[in-house]
C-alpha cells in the first residue's frame, strides 16, 4: 500500500518518522495531516473528554479542508 500511495497523511510526528524509517523510498510522500496548520500534530483523544474529541475533530476537519484546497479539491 505504501508503494502505491501518492500521499500518506499521518497525525503525529512519531508516525511520520516510523513510516519514513520503515519505507525510506516513501519519505517524500509521508506528511503530517496538520502540515498546513503550522505542522500541527493532532493527538489521539482516546480516553479523554468529549471536549478533547471535539477539538481533535475540528483540527482534522480544518486540516482536511486545507489539504483539499492545496490538492485542487472543491
PDB file of N, CA and C in Angstrom:
ATOM      1  N   UNK A   1       0.823  -1.191   0.000  1.00  0.00           N
ATOM      2  CA  UNK A   1       0.000   0.000   0.000  1.00  0.00           C
ATOM      3  C   UNK A   1       0.872   1.262   0.000  1.00  0.00           C
ATOM      4  N   UNK A   2       1.958   1.222   0.743  1.00  0.00           N
ATOM      5  CA  UNK A   2       2.841   2.390   0.815  1.00  0.00           C
ATOM      6  C   UNK A   2       3.384   2.732  -0.564  1.00  0.00           C
ATOM      7  N   UNK A   3       3.814   1.744  -1.311  1.00  0.00           N
ATOM      8  CA  UNK A   3       4.363   1.994  -2.641  1.00  0.00           C
ATOM      9  C   UNK A   3       3.317   2.556  -3.593  1.00  0.00           C
ATOM     10  N   UNK A   4       2.079   2.105  -3.466  1.00  0.00           N
ATOM     11  CA  UNK A   4       1.022   2.527  -4.376  1.00  0.00           C
ATOM     12  C   UNK A   4       0.450   3.901  -4.038  1.00  0.00           C
ATOM     13  N   UNK A   5       0.627   4.347  -2.811  1.00  0.00           N
ATOM     14  CA  UNK A   5       0.042   5.614  -2.375  1.00  0.00           C
ATOM     15  C   UNK A   5       0.776   6.800  -2.987  1.00  0.00           C
ATOM     16  N   UNK A   6       0.012   7.827  -3.325  1.00  0.00           N
ATOM     17  CA  UNK A   6       0.596   9.082  -3.797  1.00  0.00           C
ATOM     18  C   UNK A   6       0.933   9.997  -2.628  1.00  0.00           C
ATOM     19  N   UNK A   7       0.158   9.875  -1.550  1.00  0.00           N
ATOM     20  CA  UNK A   7       0.318  10.722  -0.375  1.00  0.00           C
ATOM     21  C   UNK A   7      -0.124   9.920   0.841  1.00  0.00           C
ATOM     22  N   UNK A   8       0.671  10.007   1.903  1.00  0.00           N
ATOM     23  CA  UNK A   8       0.333   9.331   3.152  1.00  0.00           C
ATOM     24  C   UNK A   8       0.280  10.399   4.234  1.00  0.00           C
ATOM     25  N   UNK A   9      -0.884  10.594   4.814  1.00  0.00           N
ATOM     26  CA  UNK A   9      -1.067  11.599   5.857  1.00  0.00           C
ATOM     27  C   UNK A   9      -1.114  10.923   7.212  1.00  0.00           C
ATOM     28  N   UNK A  10      -0.340  11.463   8.139  1.00  0.00           N
ATOM     29  CA  UNK A  10      -0.295  10.934   9.496  1.00  0.00           C
ATOM     30  C   UNK A  10      -0.632  12.057  10.468  1.00  0.00           C
ATOM     31  N   UNK A  11      -0.985  11.667  11.672  1.00  0.00           N
ATOM     32  CA  UNK A  11      -1.428  12.657  12.653  1.00  0.00           C
ATOM     33  C   UNK A  11      -0.294  13.175  13.538  1.00  0.00           C
ATOM     34  N   UNK A  12       0.704  12.326  13.795  1.00  0.00           N
ATOM     35  CA  UNK A  12       1.754  12.706  14.726  1.00  0.00           C
ATOM     36  C   UNK A  12       3.131  12.457  14.118  1.00  0.00           C
ATOM     37  N   UNK A  13       4.110  13.223  14.581  1.00  0.00           N
ATOM     38  CA  UNK A  13       5.469  13.141  14.047  1.00  0.00           C
ATOM     39  C   UNK A  13       6.044  11.739  14.218  1.00  0.00           C
ATOM     40  N   UNK A  14       5.779  11.081  15.352  1.00  0.00           N
ATOM     41  CA  UNK A  14       6.348   9.746  15.545  1.00  0.00           C
ATOM     42  C   UNK A  14       5.848   8.779  14.481  1.00  0.00           C
ATOM     43  N   UNK A  15       4.621   8.947  14.021  1.00  0.00           N
ATOM     44  CA  UNK A  15       4.087   8.094  12.957  1.00  0.00           C
ATOM     45  C   UNK A  15       4.823   8.371  11.650  1.00  0.00           C
ATOM     46  N   UNK A  16       5.053   9.641  11.389  1.00  0.00           N
ATOM     47  CA  UNK A  16       5.778  10.041  10.180  1.00  0.00           C
ATOM     48  C   UNK A  16       7.193   9.463  10.199  1.00  0.00           C
ATOM     49  N   UNK A  17       7.883   9.609  11.313  1.00  0.00           N
ATOM     50  CA  UNK A  17       9.250   9.111  11.429  1.00  0.00           C
ATOM     51  C   UNK A  17       9.303   7.592  11.281  1.00  0.00           C
ATOM     52  N   UNK A  18       8.346   6.908  11.876  1.00  0.00           N
ATOM     53  CA  UNK A  18       8.332   5.441  11.790  1.00  0.00           C
ATOM     54  C   UNK A  18       8.142   4.970  10.349  1.00  0.00           C
ATOM     55  N   UNK A  19       7.185   5.583   9.649  1.00  0.00           N
ATOM     56  CA  UNK A  19       6.961   5.201   8.255  1.00  0.00           C
ATOM     57  C   UNK A  19       8.175   5.517   7.384  1.00  0.00           C
ATOM     58  N   UNK A  20       8.779   6.665   7.621  1.00  0.00           N
ATOM     59  CA  UNK A  20       9.939   7.045   6.829  1.00  0.00           C
ATOM     60  C   UNK A  20      11.121   6.116   7.101  1.00  0.00           C
ATOM     61  N   UNK A  21      11.231   5.626   8.324  1.00  0.00           N
ATOM     62  CA  UNK A  21      12.301   4.684   8.660  1.00  0.00           C
ATOM     63  C   UNK A  21      12.052   3.319   8.021  1.00  0.00           C
ATOM     64  N   UNK A  22      10.797   2.862   8.090  1.00  0.00           N
ATOM     65  CA  UNK A  22      10.453   1.553   7.538  1.00  0.00           C
ATOM     66  C   UNK A  22      10.391   1.551   6.015  1.00  0.00           C
ATOM     67  N   UNK A  23      10.042   2.700   5.432  1.00  0.00           N
ATOM     68  CA  UNK A  23       9.889   2.811   3.980  1.00  0.00           C
ATOM     69  C   UNK A  23      10.627   4.054   3.484  1.00  0.00           C
ATOM     70  N   UNK A  24      11.953   4.046   3.483  1.00  0.00           N
ATOM     71  CA  UNK A  24      12.708   5.244   3.108  1.00  0.00           C
ATOM     72  C   UNK A  24      12.375   5.780   1.717  1.00  0.00           C
ATOM     73  N   UNK A  25      12.018   4.914   0.802  1.00  0.00           N
ATOM     74  CA  UNK A  25      11.682   5.372  -0.553  1.00  0.00           C
ATOM     75  C   UNK A  25      10.393   6.189  -0.573  1.00  0.00           C
ATOM     76  N   UNK A  26       9.587   6.066   0.456  1.00  0.00           N
ATOM     77  CA  UNK A  26       8.316   6.783   0.522  1.00  0.00           C
ATOM     78  C   UNK A  26       8.413   8.074   1.335  1.00  0.00           C
ATOM     79  N   UNK A  27       9.599   8.410   1.792  1.00  0.00           N
ATOM     80  CA  UNK A  27       9.766   9.565   2.680  1.00  0.00           C
ATOM     81  C   UNK A  27       9.162  10.859   2.129  1.00  0.00           C
ATOM     82  N   UNK A  28       9.266  11.064   0.848  1.00  0.00           N
ATOM     83  CA  UNK A  28       8.759  12.294   0.248  1.00  0.00           C
ATOM     84  C   UNK A  28       7.253  12.400   0.179  1.00  0.00           C
ATOM     85  N   UNK A  29       6.558  11.317   0.454  1.00  0.00           N
ATOM     86  CA  UNK A  29       5.095  11.367   0.386  1.00  0.00           C
ATOM     87  C   UNK A  29       4.423  11.130   1.734  1.00  0.00           C
ATOM     88  N   UNK A  30       5.201  11.093   2.806  1.00  0.00           N
ATOM     89  CA  UNK A  30       4.650  10.948   4.155  1.00  0.00           C
ATOM     90  C   UNK A  30       4.625  12.330   4.795  1.00  0.00           C
ATOM     91  N   UNK A  31       3.430  12.834   5.026  1.00  0.00           N
ATOM     92  CA  UNK A  31       3.260  14.203   5.536  1.00  0.00           C
ATOM     93  C   UNK A  31       2.335  14.218   6.749  1.00  0.00           C
ATOM     94  N   UNK A  32       2.489  15.261   7.546  1.00  0.00           N
ATOM     95  CA  UNK A  32       1.564  15.466   8.659  1.00  0.00           C
ATOM     96  C   UNK A  32       0.238  15.983   8.122  1.00  0.00           C
ATOM     97  N   UNK A  33      -0.835  15.457   8.644  1.00  0.00           N
ATOM     98  CA  UNK A  33      -2.157  15.973   8.289  1.00  0.00           C
ATOM     99  C   UNK A  33      -2.231  17.463   8.621  1.00  0.00           C
ATOM    100  N   UNK A  34      -1.606  17.857   9.722  1.00  0.00           N
ATOM    101  CA  UNK A  34      -1.614  19.253  10.153  1.00  0.00           C
ATOM    102  C   UNK A  34      -0.525  20.117   9.539  1.00  0.00           C
ATOM    103  N   UNK A  35       0.048  19.691   8.420  1.00  0.00           N
ATOM    104  CA  UNK A  35       1.133  20.448   7.772  1.00  0.00           C
ATOM    105  C   UNK A  35       0.747  21.901   7.519  1.00  0.00           C
ATOM    106  N   UNK A  36      -0.425  22.136   7.006  1.00  0.00           N
ATOM    107  CA  UNK A  36      -0.851  23.486   6.638  1.00  0.00           C
ATOM    108  C   UNK A  36      -1.411  24.258   7.832  1.00  0.00           C
ATOM    109  N   UNK A  37      -1.357  23.656   9.006  1.00  0.00           N
ATOM    110  CA  UNK A  37      -1.725  24.319  10.261  1.00  0.00           C
ATOM    111  C   UNK A  37      -0.455  24.458  11.110  1.00  0.00           C
ATOM    112  N   UNK A  38       0.595  24.978  10.491  1.00  0.00           N
ATOM    113  CA  UNK A  38       1.903  25.147  11.150  1.00  0.00           C
ATOM    114  C   UNK A  38       2.463  23.835  11.668  1.00  0.00           C
ATOM    115  N   UNK A  39       2.359  22.783  10.868  1.00  0.00           N
ATOM    116  CA  UNK A  39       2.856  21.455  11.226  1.00  0.00           C
ATOM    117  C   UNK A  39       2.280  20.951  12.543  1.00  0.00           C
ATOM    118  N   UNK A  40       1.015  21.203  12.715  1.00  0.00           N
ATOM    119  CA  UNK A  40       0.312  20.777  13.927  1.00  0.00           C
ATOM    120  C   UNK A  40       0.269  19.264  14.029  1.00  0.00           C
ATOM    121  N   UNK A  41       0.629  18.762  15.211  1.00  0.00           N
ATOM    122  CA  UNK A  41       0.424  17.342  15.499  1.00  0.00           C
ATOM    123  C   UNK A  41      -0.986  17.207  16.061  1.00  0.00           C
ATOM    124  N   UNK A  42      -1.738  16.264  15.549  1.00  0.00           N
ATOM    125  CA  UNK A  42      -3.101  16.035  16.017  1.00  0.00           C
ATOM    126  C   UNK A  42      -3.068  14.785  16.887  1.00  0.00           C
ATOM    127  N   UNK A  43      -3.185  15.008  18.176  1.00  0.00           N
ATOM    128  CA  UNK A  43      -3.043  13.923  19.143  1.00  0.00           C
ATOM    129  C   UNK A  43      -4.328  13.107  19.272  1.00  0.00           C
ATOM    130  N   UNK A  44      -4.150  11.832  19.525  1.00  0.00           N
ATOM    131  CA  UNK A  44      -5.265  10.910  19.701  1.00  0.00           C
ATOM    132  C   UNK A  44      -6.028  11.269  20.983  1.00  0.00           C
ATOM    133  N   UNK A  45      -7.332  11.492  20.892  1.00  0.00           N
ATOM    134  CA  UNK A  45      -8.096  11.864  22.089  1.00  0.00           C
ATOM    135  C   UNK A  45      -8.613  10.673  22.887  1.00  0.00           C
ATOM    136  N   UNK A  46      -8.094   9.487  22.601  1.00  0.00           N
ATOM    137  CA  UNK A  46      -8.553   8.278  23.292  1.00  0.00           C
ATOM    138  C   UNK A  46      -8.492   8.465  24.808  1.00  0.00           C
ATOM    139  N   UNK A  47      -9.579   8.107  25.467  1.00  0.00           N
ATOM    140  CA  UNK A  47      -9.717   8.203  26.926  1.00  0.00           C
ATOM    141  C   UNK A  47      -9.668   9.640  27.449  1.00  0.00           C
ATOM    142  N   UNK A  48     -10.021  10.568  26.596  1.00  0.00           N
ATOM    143  CA  UNK A  48     -10.061  11.970  27.012  1.00  0.00           C
ATOM    144  C   UNK A  48     -11.505  12.458  26.977  1.00  0.00           C
ATOM    145  N   UNK A  49     -11.695  13.671  27.357  1.00  0.00           N
ATOM    146  CA  UNK A  49     -13.034  14.253  27.467  1.00  0.00           C
ATOM    147  C   UNK A  49     -13.685  14.449  26.097  1.00  0.00           C
ATOM    148  N   UNK A  50     -14.983  14.685  26.139  1.00  0.00           N
ATOM    149  CA  UNK A  50     -15.702  14.964  24.889  1.00  0.00           C
ATOM    150  C   UNK A  50     -15.220  16.282  24.286  1.00  0.00           C
ATOM    151  N   UNK A  51     -14.754  17.195  25.118  1.00  0.00           N
ATOM    152  CA  UNK A  51     -14.193  18.452  24.614  1.00  0.00           C
ATOM    153  C   UNK A  51     -12.918  18.187  23.823  1.00  0.00           C
ATOM    154  N   UNK A  52     -12.107  17.239  24.300  1.00  0.00           N
ATOM    155  CA  UNK A  52     -10.881  16.872  23.576  1.00  0.00           C
ATOM    156  C   UNK A  52     -11.228  16.264  22.223  1.00  0.00           C
ATOM    157  N   UNK A  53     -12.263  15.414  22.191  1.00  0.00           N
ATOM    158  CA  UNK A  53     -12.698  14.831  20.921  1.00  0.00           C
ATOM    159  C   UNK A  53     -13.184  15.919  19.974  1.00  0.00           C
ATOM    160  N   UNK A  54     -13.931  16.882  20.508  1.00  0.00           N
ATOM    161  CA  UNK A  54     -14.442  17.970  19.670  1.00  0.00           C
ATOM    162  C   UNK A  54     -13.292  18.794  19.089  1.00  0.00           C
ATOM    163  N   UNK A  55     -12.275  19.058  19.895  1.00  0.00           N
ATOM    164  CA  UNK A  55     -11.118  19.816  19.420  1.00  0.00           C
ATOM    165  C   UNK A  55     -10.394  19.056  18.312  1.00  0.00           C
ATOM    166  N   UNK A  56     -10.170  17.768  18.534  1.00  0.00           N
ATOM    167  CA  UNK A  56      -9.482  16.953  17.530  1.00  0.00           C
ATOM    168  C   UNK A  56     -10.305  16.894  16.243  1.00  0.00           C
ATOM    169  N   UNK A  57     -11.616  16.780  16.373  1.00  0.00           N
ATOM    170  CA  UNK A  57     -12.475  16.770  15.190  1.00  0.00           C
ATOM    171  C   UNK A  57     -12.293  18.060  14.394  1.00  0.00           C
ATOM    172  N   UNK A  58     -12.285  19.200  15.081  1.00  0.00           N
ATOM    173  CA  UNK A  58     -12.109  20.488  14.400  1.00  0.00           C
ATOM    174  C   UNK A  58     -10.738  20.570  13.734  1.00  0.00           C
ATOM    175  N   UNK A  59      -9.704  20.057  14.412  1.00  0.00           N
ATOM    176  CA  UNK A  59      -8.365  20.068  13.834  1.00  0.00           C
ATOM    177  C   UNK A  59      -8.323  19.217  12.560  1.00  0.00           C
ATOM    178  N   UNK A  60      -8.904  18.030  12.634  1.00  0.00           N
ATOM    179  CA  UNK A  60      -8.931  17.144  11.469  1.00  0.00           C
ATOM    180  C   UNK A  60      -9.716  17.778  10.329  1.00  0.00           C
ATOM    181  N   UNK A  61     -10.864  18.333  10.658  1.00  0.00           N
ATOM    182  CA  UNK A  61     -11.708  18.972   9.645  1.00  0.00           C
ATOM    183  C   UNK A  61     -10.964  20.127   8.963  1.00  0.00           C
ATOM    184  N   UNK A  62     -10.318  20.974   9.754  1.00  0.00           N
ATOM    185  CA  UNK A  62      -9.572  22.104   9.192  1.00  0.00           C
ATOM    186  C   UNK A  62      -8.405  21.627   8.337  1.00  0.00           C
ATOM    187  N   UNK A  63      -7.682  20.640   8.846  1.00  0.00           N
ATOM    188  CA  UNK A  63      -6.528  20.123   8.114  1.00  0.00           C
ATOM    189  C   UNK A  63      -6.953  19.491   6.791  1.00  0.00           C
ATOM    190  N   UNK A  64      -8.028  18.730   6.809  1.00  0.00           N
ATOM    191  CA  UNK A  64      -8.510  18.092   5.571  1.00  0.00           C
ATOM    192  C   UNK A  64      -8.966  19.130   4.556  1.00  0.00           C
ATOM    193  N   UNK A  65      -9.601  20.169   5.019  1.00  0.00           N
ATOM    194  CA  UNK A  65     -10.035  21.242   4.117  1.00  0.00           C
ATOM    195  C   UNK A  65      -8.820  21.895   3.450  1.00  0.00           C
ATOM    196  N   UNK A  66      -7.797  22.176   4.244  1.00  0.00           N
ATOM    197  CA  UNK A  66      -6.597  22.795   3.679  1.00  0.00           C
ATOM    198  C   UNK A  66      -5.891  21.867   2.695  1.00  0.00           C
ATOM    199  N   UNK A  67      -5.792  20.586   3.020  1.00  0.00           N
ATOM    200  CA  UNK A  67      -5.194  19.636   2.079  1.00  0.00           C
ATOM    201  C   UNK A  67      -6.009  19.579   0.795  1.00  0.00           C
ATOM    202  N   UNK A  68      -7.323  19.557   0.926  1.00  0.00           N
ATOM    203  CA  UNK A  68      -8.180  19.521  -0.257  1.00  0.00           C
ATOM    204  C   UNK A  68      -7.949  20.756  -1.126  1.00  0.00           C
ATOM    205  N   UNK A  69      -7.863  21.916  -0.488  1.00  0.00           N
ATOM    206  CA  UNK A  69      -7.604  23.153  -1.228  1.00  0.00           C
ATOM    207  C   UNK A  69      -6.256  23.102  -1.938  1.00  0.00           C
ATOM    208  N   UNK A  70      -5.227  22.624  -1.242  1.00  0.00           N
ATOM    209  CA  UNK A  70      -3.886  22.559  -1.818  1.00  0.00           C
ATOM    210  C   UNK A  70      -3.805  21.562  -2.972  1.00  0.00           C
ATOM    211  N   UNK A  71      -4.611  20.493  -2.870  1.00  0.00           N
ATOM    212  CA  UNK A  71      -4.587  19.460  -3.903  1.00  0.00           C
ATOM    213  C   UNK A  71      -5.584  19.734  -5.040  1.00  0.00           C
ATOM    214  N   UNK A  72      -6.243  20.890  -4.969  1.00  0.00           N
ATOM    215  CA  UNK A  72      -7.140  21.281  -6.046  1.00  0.00           C
ATOM    216  C   UNK A  72      -8.558  20.747  -5.888  1.00  0.00           C
ATOM    217  N   UNK A  73      -8.923  20.382  -4.681  1.00  0.00           N
ATOM    218  CA  UNK A  73     -10.292  19.912  -4.426  1.00  0.00           C
ATOM    219  C   UNK A  73     -11.277  21.060  -4.399  1.00  0.00           C
ATOM    220  N   UNK A  74     -12.517  20.694  -4.236  1.00  0.00           N
ATOM    221  CA  UNK A  74     -13.568  21.727  -4.203  1.00  0.00           C
ATOM    222  C   UNK A  74     -14.145  21.876  -2.835  1.00  0.00           C
TER     223      UNK A  74
END
